Amino acid sequence: MRYDEQEPYTSAIRQGAPQNSFRAFPLRMLEEYDRNPDYDCWIFEDGGTVWHHGADTEGCDFEFAWSVEGERTLMVYLIRLAALSPLQQQNWARFETANFIPLETAQLNLFEPET
């Protein structure tokens, strides 16, 4: 199966990437979305949602995690990114951090089921 730049996250799942794997994004990404009137950012203690108000309103949930370098980062499940429109997948992909290494505790908390 060929990689599709228009839908990078849908493409990743089609190529066999685990749906519950995550992608990392820098916090500065929220600043750009927060300044844009087409987006709303809801931020909570452990994560939040970025909403896009376009032809169809769509949101993407994220969680915060710490890297081994001590940087706070956004973590998003691949399945949530793949559910976005092609345009929004491209927007998120331009911010993706490829070299992120989570702290073990951050990674464990991200995948811990809610009780």
C-alpha atoms as a PDB file:
ATOM      1  CA  MET A   1       0.000   0.000   0.000  1.00  0.00           C
ATOM      2  CA  ARG A   2       1.296   3.431  -0.962  1.00  0.00           C
ATOM      3  CA  TYR A   3       1.824   6.310   1.491  1.00  0.00           C
ATOM      4  CA  ASP A   4      -0.617   9.195   0.904  1.00  0.00           C
ATOM      5  CA  GLU A   5       0.649  12.680   1.855  1.00  0.00           C
ATOM      6  CA  GLN A   6      -2.942  13.987   1.841  1.00  0.00           C
ATOM      7  CA  GLU A   7      -3.893  11.626   4.694  1.00  0.00           C
ATOM      8  CA  PRO A   8      -0.647  10.774   6.502  1.00  0.00           C
ATOM      9  CA  TYR A   9      -2.268   9.236   9.586  1.00  0.00           C
ATOM     10  CA  THR A  10      -4.905   7.237   7.722  1.00  0.00           C
ATOM     11  CA  SER A  11      -2.075   6.048   5.485  1.00  0.00           C
ATOM     12  CA  ALA A  12      -0.015   4.950   8.489  1.00  0.00           C
ATOM     13  CA  ILE A  13      -2.868   2.766   9.765  1.00  0.00           C
ATOM     14  CA  ARG A  14      -3.429   1.290   6.302  1.00  0.00           C
ATOM     15  CA  GLN A  15       0.261   0.369   6.245  1.00  0.00           C
ATOM     16  CA  GLY A  16      -0.057  -1.495   9.550  1.00  0.00           C
ATOM     17  CA  ALA A  17       0.850   1.048  12.250  1.00  0.00           C
ATOM     18  CA  PRO A  18      -0.934   0.221  15.532  1.00  0.00           C
ATOM     19  CA  GLN A  19      -4.047   2.353  15.960  1.00  0.00           C
ATOM     20  CA  ASN A  20      -3.315   2.844  19.660  1.00  0.00           C
ATOM     21  CA  SER A  21       0.232   4.092  19.027  1.00  0.00           C
ATOM     22  CA  PHE A  22       0.788   7.773  19.605  1.00  0.00           C
ATOM     23  CA  ARG A  23       2.321  10.717  17.836  1.00  0.00           C
ATOM     24  CA  ALA A  24       4.078  13.599  19.604  1.00  0.00           C
ATOM     25  CA  PHE A  25       3.663  17.323  19.012  1.00  0.00           C
ATOM     26  CA  PRO A  26       5.362  20.369  20.604  1.00  0.00           C
ATOM     27  CA  LEU A  27       3.386  22.661  22.915  1.00  0.00           C
ATOM     28  CA  ARG A  28       4.030  25.615  20.584  1.00  0.00           C
ATOM     29  CA  MET A  29       1.501  24.042  18.259  1.00  0.00           C
ATOM     30  CA  LEU A  30      -1.273  25.063  20.667  1.00  0.00           C
ATOM     31  CA  GLU A  31      -0.210  28.714  20.434  1.00  0.00           C
ATOM     32  CA  GLU A  32      -0.727  28.762  16.669  1.00  0.00           C
ATOM     33  CA  TYR A  33      -4.119  27.074  16.912  1.00  0.00           C
ATOM     34  CA  ASP A  34      -5.168  29.316  19.819  1.00  0.00           C
ATOM     35  CA  ARG A  35      -4.441  32.491  17.795  1.00  0.00           C
ATOM     36  CA  ASN A  36      -6.453  31.265  14.810  1.00  0.00           C
ATOM     37  CA  PRO A  37     -10.197  32.146  15.039  1.00  0.00           C
ATOM     38  CA  ASP A  38     -11.074  28.963  13.101  1.00  0.00           C
ATOM     39  CA  TYR A  39      -9.919  26.874  16.082  1.00  0.00           C
ATOM     40  CA  ASP A  40     -10.806  26.495  19.743  1.00  0.00           C
ATOM     41  CA  CYS A  41      -8.412  24.967  22.254  1.00  0.00           C
ATOM     42  CA  TRP A  42      -9.812  23.417  25.401  1.00  0.00           C
ATOM     43  CA  ILE A  43      -6.984  22.715  27.806  1.00  0.00           C
ATOM     44  CA  PHE A  44      -7.248  20.788  31.062  1.00  0.00           C
ATOM     45  CA  GLU A  45      -4.712  19.592  33.608  1.00  0.00           C
ATOM     46  CA  ASP A  46      -3.806  16.384  31.763  1.00  0.00           C
ATOM     47  CA  GLY A  47      -4.735  17.174  28.147  1.00  0.00           C
ATOM     48  CA  GLY A  48      -7.395  18.792  26.034  1.00  0.00           C
ATOM     49  CA  THR A  49      -9.004  19.113  22.620  1.00  0.00           C
ATOM     50  CA  VAL A  50      -8.324  21.231  19.556  1.00  0.00           C
ATOM     51  CA  TRP A  51     -11.541  21.995  17.649  1.00  0.00           C
ATOM     52  CA  HIS A  52     -11.660  23.164  14.027  1.00  0.00           C
ATOM     53  CA  HIS A  53     -14.744  25.072  12.876  1.00  0.00           C
ATOM     54  CA  GLY A  54     -14.838  24.517   9.157  1.00  0.00           C
ATOM     55  CA  ALA A  55     -17.413  22.925   6.896  1.00  0.00           C
ATOM     56  CA  ASP A  56     -17.661  20.204   9.533  1.00  0.00           C
ATOM     57  CA  THR A  57     -16.634  20.824  13.114  1.00  0.00           C
ATOM     58  CA  GLU A  58     -14.013  18.282  14.123  1.00  0.00           C
ATOM     59  CA  GLY A  59     -11.876  17.872  17.191  1.00  0.00           C
ATOM     60  CA  CYS A  60      -8.754  16.020  18.179  1.00  0.00           C
ATOM     61  CA  ASP A  61      -8.078  15.013  21.790  1.00  0.00           C
ATOM     62  CA  PHE A  62      -4.561  15.085  23.189  1.00  0.00           C
ATOM     63  CA  GLU A  63      -2.804  14.287  26.439  1.00  0.00           C
ATOM     64  CA  PHE A  64       0.284  15.874  27.950  1.00  0.00           C
ATOM     65  CA  ALA A  65       3.436  13.833  28.453  1.00  0.00           C
ATOM     66  CA  TRP A  66       6.995  14.595  29.502  1.00  0.00           C
ATOM     67  CA  SER A  67       9.985  13.724  27.359  1.00  0.00           C
ATOM     68  CA  VAL A  68      13.277  12.425  28.702  1.00  0.00           C
ATOM     69  CA  GLU A  69      14.643  15.937  28.016  1.00  0.00           C
ATOM     70  CA  GLY A  70      12.082  17.396  30.435  1.00  0.00           C
ATOM     71  CA  GLU A  71       9.890  18.982  27.756  1.00  0.00           C
ATOM     72  CA  ARG A  72       6.123  18.864  28.014  1.00  0.00           C
ATOM     73  CA  THR A  73       4.642  17.468  24.820  1.00  0.00           C
ATOM     74  CA  LEU A  74       1.236  16.712  23.319  1.00  0.00           C
ATOM     75  CA  MET A  75       0.504  13.038  22.712  1.00  0.00           C
ATOM     76  CA  VAL A  76      -2.266  11.983  20.319  1.00  0.00           C
ATOM     77  CA  TYR A  77      -3.394   8.462  19.503  1.00  0.00           C
ATOM     78  CA  LEU A  78      -2.946   7.618  15.839  1.00  0.00           C
ATOM     79  CA  ILE A  79      -6.586   6.509  15.527  1.00  0.00           C
ATOM     80  CA  ARG A  80      -7.741  10.009  16.558  1.00  0.00           C
ATOM     81  CA  LEU A  81      -5.475  11.655  13.989  1.00  0.00           C
ATOM     82  CA  ALA A  82      -6.644   9.261  11.263  1.00  0.00           C
ATOM     83  CA  ALA A  83     -10.266  10.266  11.921  1.00  0.00           C
ATOM     84  CA  LEU A  84      -9.524  13.879  10.940  1.00  0.00           C
ATOM     85  CA  SER A  85     -10.189  15.271   7.468  1.00  0.00           C
ATOM     86  CA  PRO A  86      -7.251  15.229   5.016  1.00  0.00           C
ATOM     87  CA  LEU A  87      -6.716  18.986   5.508  1.00  0.00           C
ATOM     88  CA  GLN A  88      -6.559  18.647   9.298  1.00  0.00           C
ATOM     89  CA  GLN A  89      -4.261  15.611   9.043  1.00  0.00           C
ATOM     90  CA  GLN A  90      -1.892  17.747   6.981  1.00  0.00           C
ATOM     91  CA  ASN A  91      -2.098  20.578   9.554  1.00  0.00           C
ATOM     92  CA  TRP A  92      -1.208  18.254  12.424  1.00  0.00           C
ATOM     93  CA  ALA A  93       1.529  16.484  10.427  1.00  0.00           C
ATOM     94  CA  ARG A  94       3.476  19.708   9.898  1.00  0.00           C
ATOM     95  CA  PHE A  95       4.000  19.956  13.681  1.00  0.00           C
ATOM     96  CA  GLU A  96       4.783  16.303  14.432  1.00  0.00           C
ATOM     97  CA  THR A  97       7.932  15.667  16.479  1.00  0.00           C
ATOM     98  CA  ALA A  98       9.748  12.602  15.173  1.00  0.00           C
ATOM     99  CA  ASN A  99      12.492  12.367  17.825  1.00  0.00           C
ATOM    100  CA  PHE A 100      10.291  12.323  20.930  1.00  0.00           C
ATOM    101  CA  ILE A 101      11.269   9.816  23.636  1.00  0.00           C
ATOM    102  CA  PRO A 102       8.719   9.724  26.490  1.00  0.00           C
ATOM    103  CA  LEU A 103       9.605   9.194  30.093  1.00  0.00           C
ATOM    104  CA  GLU A 104       8.512   5.720  31.147  1.00  0.00           C
ATOM    105  CA  THR A 105       6.039   7.195  33.619  1.00  0.00           C
ATOM    106  CA  ALA A 106       4.551   9.477  30.965  1.00  0.00           C
ATOM    107  CA  GLN A 107       4.092   6.598  28.545  1.00  0.00           C
ATOM    108  CA  LEU A 108       2.553   4.349  31.200  1.00  0.00           C
ATOM    109  CA  ASN A 109       0.099   7.059  32.290  1.00  0.00           C
ATOM    110  CA  LEU A 110      -0.910   7.688  28.688  1.00  0.00           C
ATOM    111  CA  PHE A 111      -2.002   4.084  28.205  1.00  0.00           C
ATOM    112  CA  GLU A 112      -3.432   3.492  31.672  1.00  0.00           C
ATOM    113  CA  PRO A 113      -7.161   2.699  31.409  1.00  0.00           C
ATOM    114  CA  GLU A 114      -9.579   5.029  33.171  1.00  0.00           C
ATOM    115  CA  THR A 115     -11.154   3.670  36.342  1.00  0.00           C
END
